[in-house]
Amino acid sequence: MSIELNNESGVQVDDAALQRLAIYALDHLRVHADADLAILLVDEAAMEQLHVQWMDEPGPTDVLSFPMDELRPGNEEDITPPGLLGDIVLCPQVAVAQAEQAGHGAMDELLLLTAHGILHLLGFDHAEPDDEREMFEVQRDILVGFTLAERRR
């Protein structure tokens, strides 16, 4: 599994933890070991530009996902084919503000956003209540499983 991570945000984050979470999530979702994922961390100005360009929405956002080969999660009998999963763009400054509001750490928020972004790359969405319920359940399973794996590490 190739996970390229570039931090252009100016904010110090635990890059290794984000990569471990991505590996855990992709394993959990039965994504082929030869899938490629890019994670980019940017500042608020860069995120606002992307948010306006791709979503036609003002202001910076927390995470954007850009799927490439439209891969979908695998299952026990059949993993996804190899391919380009896509890019996730995170804004640590927005994550810090959200973490403060939610009452948890900034790194916990970045892990959540990474899992969320990966799910969007794999076709999950939360526009409809049933889809939201499914996506957030899978997201929670990933984060709980990852936290337990990290404790055993």
C-alpha atoms as a PDB file:
ATOM      1  CA  MET A   1       0.000   0.000   0.000  1.00  0.00           C
ATOM      2  CA  SER A   2       1.436   3.331  -0.998  1.00  0.00           C
ATOM      3  CA  ILE A   3       0.422   6.247   1.195  1.00  0.00           C
ATOM      4  CA  GLU A   4       2.088   9.531   0.358  1.00  0.00           C
ATOM      5  CA  LEU A   5       1.730  12.228   3.005  1.00  0.00           C
ATOM      6  CA  ASN A   6       2.774  15.852   2.494  1.00  0.00           C
ATOM      7  CA  ASN A   7       2.354  18.456   5.206  1.00  0.00           C
ATOM      8  CA  GLU A   8       2.285  21.946   3.718  1.00  0.00           C
ATOM      9  CA  SER A   9       0.132  23.393   6.512  1.00  0.00           C
ATOM     10  CA  GLY A  10       2.846  24.756   8.770  1.00  0.00           C
ATOM     11  CA  VAL A  11       1.269  22.826  11.664  1.00  0.00           C
ATOM     12  CA  GLN A  12       3.210  20.000  13.322  1.00  0.00           C
ATOM     13  CA  VAL A  13       1.186  16.764  13.264  1.00  0.00           C
ATOM     14  CA  ASP A  14       1.942  13.104  13.864  1.00  0.00           C
ATOM     15  CA  ASP A  15       2.357  12.062  10.228  1.00  0.00           C
ATOM     16  CA  ALA A  16       3.139   8.467  11.201  1.00  0.00           C
ATOM     17  CA  ALA A  17      -0.149   8.142  13.115  1.00  0.00           C
ATOM     18  CA  LEU A  18      -2.113   9.436  10.106  1.00  0.00           C
ATOM     19  CA  GLN A  19      -0.370   6.874   7.895  1.00  0.00           C
ATOM     20  CA  ARG A  20      -1.030   4.067  10.398  1.00  0.00           C
ATOM     21  CA  LEU A  21      -4.717   5.047  10.553  1.00  0.00           C
ATOM     22  CA  ALA A  22      -4.911   5.053   6.742  1.00  0.00           C
ATOM     23  CA  ILE A  23      -3.325   1.590   6.557  1.00  0.00           C
ATOM     24  CA  TYR A  24      -5.668   0.302   9.266  1.00  0.00           C
ATOM     25  CA  ALA A  25      -8.743   1.774   7.541  1.00  0.00           C
ATOM     26  CA  LEU A  26      -7.813   0.409   4.118  1.00  0.00           C
ATOM     27  CA  ASP A  27      -7.148  -3.048   5.591  1.00  0.00           C
ATOM     28  CA  HIS A  28     -10.460  -2.890   7.462  1.00  0.00           C
ATOM     29  CA  LEU A  29     -12.251  -2.011   4.221  1.00  0.00           C
ATOM     30  CA  ARG A  30     -10.483  -4.793   2.278  1.00  0.00           C
ATOM     31  CA  VAL A  31      -8.725  -2.421  -0.116  1.00  0.00           C
ATOM     32  CA  HIS A  32      -5.992  -4.026  -2.222  1.00  0.00           C
ATOM     33  CA  ALA A  33      -2.449  -3.678  -0.887  1.00  0.00           C
ATOM     34  CA  ASP A  34      -1.420  -2.066  -4.192  1.00  0.00           C
ATOM     35  CA  ALA A  35      -3.861   0.825  -3.872  1.00  0.00           C
ATOM     36  CA  ASP A  36      -2.343   4.319  -3.776  1.00  0.00           C
ATOM     37  CA  LEU A  37      -3.503   7.105  -1.475  1.00  0.00           C
ATOM     38  CA  ALA A  38      -2.225  10.657  -1.085  1.00  0.00           C
ATOM     39  CA  ILE A  39      -2.835  12.772   2.021  1.00  0.00           C
ATOM     40  CA  LEU A  40      -2.077  16.484   1.842  1.00  0.00           C
ATOM     41  CA  LEU A  41      -2.245  18.876   4.779  1.00  0.00           C
ATOM     42  CA  VAL A  42      -2.692  22.528   3.815  1.00  0.00           C
ATOM     43  CA  ASP A  43      -3.241  25.870   5.522  1.00  0.00           C
ATOM     44  CA  GLU A  44      -6.570  27.686   5.647  1.00  0.00           C
ATOM     45  CA  ALA A  45      -5.913  29.846   2.575  1.00  0.00           C
ATOM     46  CA  ALA A  46      -5.093  26.846   0.376  1.00  0.00           C
ATOM     47  CA  MET A  47      -8.077  24.910   1.723  1.00  0.00           C
ATOM     48  CA  GLU A  48     -10.392  27.837   1.084  1.00  0.00           C
ATOM     49  CA  GLN A  49      -9.188  27.983  -2.535  1.00  0.00           C
ATOM     50  CA  LEU A  50      -9.909  24.282  -3.003  1.00  0.00           C
ATOM     51  CA  HIS A  51     -13.262  24.553  -1.234  1.00  0.00           C
ATOM     52  CA  VAL A  52     -14.375  27.372  -3.536  1.00  0.00           C
ATOM     53  CA  GLN A  53     -12.960  25.729  -6.670  1.00  0.00           C
ATOM     54  CA  TRP A  54     -14.416  22.254  -6.156  1.00  0.00           C
ATOM     55  CA  MET A  55     -17.444  22.745  -3.915  1.00  0.00           C
ATOM     56  CA  ASP A  56     -18.362  26.356  -4.734  1.00  0.00           C
ATOM     57  CA  GLU A  57     -18.498  27.042  -0.997  1.00  0.00           C
ATOM     58  CA  PRO A  58     -16.794  29.948   0.787  1.00  0.00           C
ATOM     59  CA  GLY A  59     -14.242  29.578   3.570  1.00  0.00           C
ATOM     60  CA  PRO A  60     -11.902  26.748   4.479  1.00  0.00           C
ATOM     61  CA  THR A  61     -13.269  23.319   5.325  1.00  0.00           C
ATOM     62  CA  ASP A  62     -11.828  20.457   7.354  1.00  0.00           C
ATOM     63  CA  VAL A  63     -11.402  17.725   4.712  1.00  0.00           C
ATOM     64  CA  LEU A  64     -11.874  17.278   0.993  1.00  0.00           C
ATOM     65  CA  SER A  65     -11.669  13.984  -0.886  1.00  0.00           C
ATOM     66  CA  PHE A  66     -10.790  13.563  -4.539  1.00  0.00           C
ATOM     67  CA  PRO A  67     -11.429   9.981  -5.746  1.00  0.00           C
ATOM     68  CA  MET A  68      -9.484   8.733  -8.754  1.00  0.00           C
ATOM     69  CA  ASP A  69     -10.327   5.173  -9.844  1.00  0.00           C
ATOM     70  CA  GLU A  70     -13.656   5.058  -7.961  1.00  0.00           C
ATOM     71  CA  LEU A  71     -12.616   1.999  -5.969  1.00  0.00           C
ATOM     72  CA  ARG A  72     -15.148   0.523  -3.550  1.00  0.00           C
ATOM     73  CA  PRO A  73     -14.643  -1.432  -0.319  1.00  0.00           C
ATOM     74  CA  GLY A  74     -13.993  -5.109  -0.696  1.00  0.00           C
ATOM     75  CA  ASN A  75     -15.400  -7.940   1.388  1.00  0.00           C
ATOM     76  CA  GLU A  76     -14.156 -11.207   2.895  1.00  0.00           C
ATOM     77  CA  GLU A  77     -14.315 -13.039  -0.437  1.00  0.00           C
ATOM     78  CA  ASP A  78     -13.158 -10.259  -2.731  1.00  0.00           C
ATOM     79  CA  ILE A  79     -10.816  -7.341  -2.073  1.00  0.00           C
ATOM     80  CA  THR A  80     -10.809  -4.247  -4.276  1.00  0.00           C
ATOM     81  CA  PRO A  81      -8.602  -4.295  -7.361  1.00  0.00           C
ATOM     82  CA  PRO A  82      -5.324  -2.370  -7.230  1.00  0.00           C
ATOM     83  CA  GLY A  83      -5.539   1.240  -8.324  1.00  0.00           C
ATOM     84  CA  LEU A  84      -5.431   4.902  -7.424  1.00  0.00           C
ATOM     85  CA  LEU A  85      -7.698   5.503  -4.469  1.00  0.00           C
ATOM     86  CA  GLY A  86      -7.294   9.273  -4.655  1.00  0.00           C
ATOM     87  CA  ASP A  87      -6.326  12.284  -2.564  1.00  0.00           C
ATOM     88  CA  ILE A  88      -7.444  13.530   0.827  1.00  0.00           C
ATOM     89  CA  VAL A  89      -6.770  17.160   1.732  1.00  0.00           C
ATOM     90  CA  LEU A  90      -6.852  18.096   5.425  1.00  0.00           C
ATOM     91  CA  CYS A  91      -6.701  21.515   7.079  1.00  0.00           C
ATOM     92  CA  PRO A  92      -5.160  21.187  10.570  1.00  0.00           C
ATOM     93  CA  GLN A  93      -6.164  24.742  11.549  1.00  0.00           C
ATOM     94  CA  VAL A  94      -9.836  23.935  10.965  1.00  0.00           C
ATOM     95  CA  ALA A  95      -9.367  20.582  12.727  1.00  0.00           C
ATOM     96  CA  VAL A  96      -7.911  22.320  15.797  1.00  0.00           C
ATOM     97  CA  ALA A  97     -10.959  24.598  16.062  1.00  0.00           C
ATOM     98  CA  GLN A  98     -13.351  21.655  15.633  1.00  0.00           C
ATOM     99  CA  ALA A  99     -11.465  19.593  18.204  1.00  0.00           C
ATOM    100  CA  GLU A 100     -11.786  22.392  20.762  1.00  0.00           C
ATOM    101  CA  GLN A 101     -15.544  22.582  20.131  1.00  0.00           C
ATOM    102  CA  ALA A 102     -15.881  18.796  20.399  1.00  0.00           C
ATOM    103  CA  GLY A 103     -13.764  18.584  23.556  1.00  0.00           C
ATOM    104  CA  HIS A 104     -11.017  16.296  22.243  1.00  0.00           C
ATOM    105  CA  GLY A 105      -7.490  16.645  20.923  1.00  0.00           C
ATOM    106  CA  ALA A 106      -6.510  18.012  17.524  1.00  0.00           C
ATOM    107  CA  MET A 107      -4.809  14.749  16.564  1.00  0.00           C
ATOM    108  CA  ASP A 108      -8.006  12.819  17.351  1.00  0.00           C
ATOM    109  CA  GLU A 109      -9.859  15.183  15.029  1.00  0.00           C
ATOM    110  CA  LEU A 110      -7.282  14.706  12.259  1.00  0.00           C
ATOM    111  CA  LEU A 111      -7.562  10.921  12.613  1.00  0.00           C
ATOM    112  CA  LEU A 112     -11.350  11.178  12.380  1.00  0.00           C
ATOM    113  CA  LEU A 113     -11.095  13.413   9.310  1.00  0.00           C
ATOM    114  CA  THR A 114      -8.639  11.025   7.657  1.00  0.00           C
ATOM    115  CA  ALA A 115     -11.014   8.098   8.188  1.00  0.00           C
ATOM    116  CA  HIS A 116     -13.883  10.255   6.931  1.00  0.00           C
ATOM    117  CA  GLY A 117     -11.939  11.244   3.824  1.00  0.00           C
ATOM    118  CA  ILE A 118     -11.011   7.639   3.055  1.00  0.00           C
ATOM    119  CA  LEU A 119     -14.657   6.621   3.280  1.00  0.00           C
ATOM    120  CA  HIS A 120     -15.597   9.352   0.799  1.00  0.00           C
ATOM    121  CA  LEU A 121     -12.879   8.073  -1.572  1.00  0.00           C
ATOM    122  CA  LEU A 122     -14.512   4.650  -1.380  1.00  0.00           C
ATOM    123  CA  GLY A 123     -17.962   5.941  -2.300  1.00  0.00           C
ATOM    124  CA  PHE A 124     -19.512   6.524   1.123  1.00  0.00           C
ATOM    125  CA  ASP A 125     -21.637   9.642   1.540  1.00  0.00           C
ATOM    126  CA  HIS A 126     -23.797  11.238   4.193  1.00  0.00           C
ATOM    127  CA  ALA A 127     -26.302  13.230   2.157  1.00  0.00           C
ATOM    128  CA  GLU A 128     -29.215  10.938   3.080  1.00  0.00           C
ATOM    129  CA  PRO A 129     -30.013   9.733   6.636  1.00  0.00           C
ATOM    130  CA  ASP A 130     -29.515   6.018   5.864  1.00  0.00           C
ATOM    131  CA  ASP A 131     -26.231   6.694   4.084  1.00  0.00           C
ATOM    132  CA  GLU A 132     -25.075   8.934   6.930  1.00  0.00           C
ATOM    133  CA  ARG A 133     -25.876   6.247   9.480  1.00  0.00           C
ATOM    134  CA  GLU A 134     -23.932   3.643   7.506  1.00  0.00           C
ATOM    135  CA  MET A 135     -20.937   5.907   6.883  1.00  0.00           C
ATOM    136  CA  PHE A 136     -20.647   7.083  10.467  1.00  0.00           C
ATOM    137  CA  GLU A 137     -21.001   3.517  11.765  1.00  0.00           C
ATOM    138  CA  VAL A 138     -18.115   2.344   9.568  1.00  0.00           C
ATOM    139  CA  GLN A 139     -16.118   5.442  10.552  1.00  0.00           C
ATOM    140  CA  ARG A 140     -16.685   4.686  14.241  1.00  0.00           C
ATOM    141  CA  ASP A 141     -15.656   1.039  13.752  1.00  0.00           C
ATOM    142  CA  ILE A 142     -12.421   2.158  12.088  1.00  0.00           C
ATOM    143  CA  LEU A 143     -11.578   4.674  14.806  1.00  0.00           C
ATOM    144  CA  VAL A 144     -12.359   2.290  17.681  1.00  0.00           C
ATOM    145  CA  GLY A 145     -10.423  -0.553  16.062  1.00  0.00           C
ATOM    146  CA  PHE A 146      -7.479   1.739  15.326  1.00  0.00           C
ATOM    147  CA  THR A 147      -7.424   3.048  18.901  1.00  0.00           C
ATOM    148  CA  LEU A 148      -7.352  -0.510  20.249  1.00  0.00           C
ATOM    149  CA  ALA A 149      -4.583  -1.465  17.791  1.00  0.00           C
ATOM    150  CA  GLU A 150      -2.563   1.581  18.832  1.00  0.00           C
ATOM    151  CA  ARG A 151      -2.844   0.601  22.515  1.00  0.00           C
ATOM    152  CA  ARG A 152      -1.430  -2.833  21.678  1.00  0.00           C
ATOM    153  CA  ARG A 153       1.407  -1.301  19.680  1.00  0.00           C
END
